[in-house]
């Protein structure tokens, strides 16, 4: 079962921690990188979280696109 949700269908709540897929493009449309990260979105956009520090995803000379997101998985029981 695919738990990924397209950002075209629905967005996560503001400040709700999720995993999301982002793609970085060159201006000619060629994909440079595609990755999965944890973070949240706020009123200004998406943020990647590293050890409880938010880092905004910027769009300098490249084009950034968030495509899908999903809830964080349950922690293992140990």
Protein backbone atom coordinates (compact mmCIF):
# COMPACT_ATOMS: atom_id res chain seq x y z
CA UNK A 1 0.00 0.00 0.00
CA UNK A 2 1.41 3.37 -1.04
CA UNK A 3 1.16 5.94 1.77
CA UNK A 4 2.65 8.81 -0.22
CA UNK A 5 0.23 11.72 -0.70
CA UNK A 6 0.58 14.04 -3.66
CA UNK A 7 0.85 17.74 -2.77
CA UNK A 8 -1.70 18.24 -5.55
CA UNK A 9 -4.25 16.26 -3.50
CA UNK A 10 -3.57 17.51 0.02
CA UNK A 11 -0.96 19.28 2.16
CA UNK A 12 0.03 18.39 5.72
CA UNK A 13 -1.03 20.71 8.53
CA UNK A 14 1.27 23.64 9.28
CA UNK A 15 4.19 22.62 11.58
CA UNK A 16 3.18 18.93 11.42
CA UNK A 17 6.38 16.84 11.07
CA UNK A 18 6.29 14.58 7.96
CA UNK A 19 8.58 12.98 5.38
CA UNK A 20 8.54 14.59 1.95
CA UNK A 21 10.07 14.11 -1.48
CA UNK A 22 11.76 17.04 -3.18
CA UNK A 23 13.25 17.41 -6.62
CA UNK A 24 15.78 20.04 -7.64
CA UNK A 25 15.80 21.05 -11.30
CA UNK A 26 18.13 23.03 -13.48
CA UNK A 27 16.46 25.96 -15.21
CA UNK A 28 16.25 23.80 -18.39
CA UNK A 29 14.02 21.32 -16.52
CA UNK A 30 16.62 18.57 -16.01
CA UNK A 31 16.37 16.90 -12.57
CA UNK A 32 19.59 17.35 -10.59
CA UNK A 33 18.58 15.57 -7.39
CA UNK A 34 15.60 13.78 -5.88
CA UNK A 35 15.56 13.00 -2.17
CA UNK A 36 13.39 12.17 0.85
CA UNK A 37 13.74 14.31 3.98
CA UNK A 38 11.87 14.96 7.23
CA UNK A 39 10.47 18.35 8.02
CA UNK A 40 7.37 20.48 8.06
CA UNK A 41 5.81 23.39 6.27
CA UNK A 42 5.01 26.79 7.69
CA UNK A 43 3.36 29.93 6.33
CA UNK A 44 6.36 30.60 4.05
CA UNK A 45 7.06 27.12 2.67
CA UNK A 46 8.74 23.82 3.45
CA UNK A 47 11.50 23.36 6.07
CA UNK A 48 13.92 20.49 6.56
CA UNK A 49 14.53 19.66 10.24
CA UNK A 50 17.93 18.56 11.49
CA UNK A 51 18.05 17.82 15.21
CA UNK A 52 15.16 20.19 15.96
CA UNK A 53 16.62 23.08 13.95
CA UNK A 54 14.54 24.21 10.96
CA UNK A 55 16.36 24.99 7.74
CA UNK A 56 14.27 26.67 4.99
CA UNK A 57 14.51 25.13 1.53
CA UNK A 58 15.56 27.95 -0.77
CA UNK A 59 15.21 28.35 -4.50
CA UNK A 60 18.40 30.13 -5.58
CA UNK A 61 19.48 29.55 -9.17
CA UNK A 62 17.75 26.17 -9.29
CA UNK A 63 14.08 25.22 -9.28
CA UNK A 64 12.82 23.26 -6.25
CA UNK A 65 9.65 21.18 -6.32
CA UNK A 66 7.99 19.27 -3.45
CA UNK A 67 5.99 16.40 -4.99
CA UNK A 68 4.73 14.05 -2.23
CA UNK A 69 4.60 13.67 1.55
CA UNK A 70 3.67 11.02 4.11
CA UNK A 71 3.26 10.63 7.86
CA UNK A 72 6.35 9.59 9.81
CA UNK A 73 6.40 5.84 10.54
CA UNK A 74 5.85 4.47 14.03
CA UNK A 75 8.97 4.02 16.17
CA UNK A 76 10.07 0.40 16.66
CA UNK A 77 9.10 -1.35 19.90
CA UNK A 78 12.31 -2.40 21.66
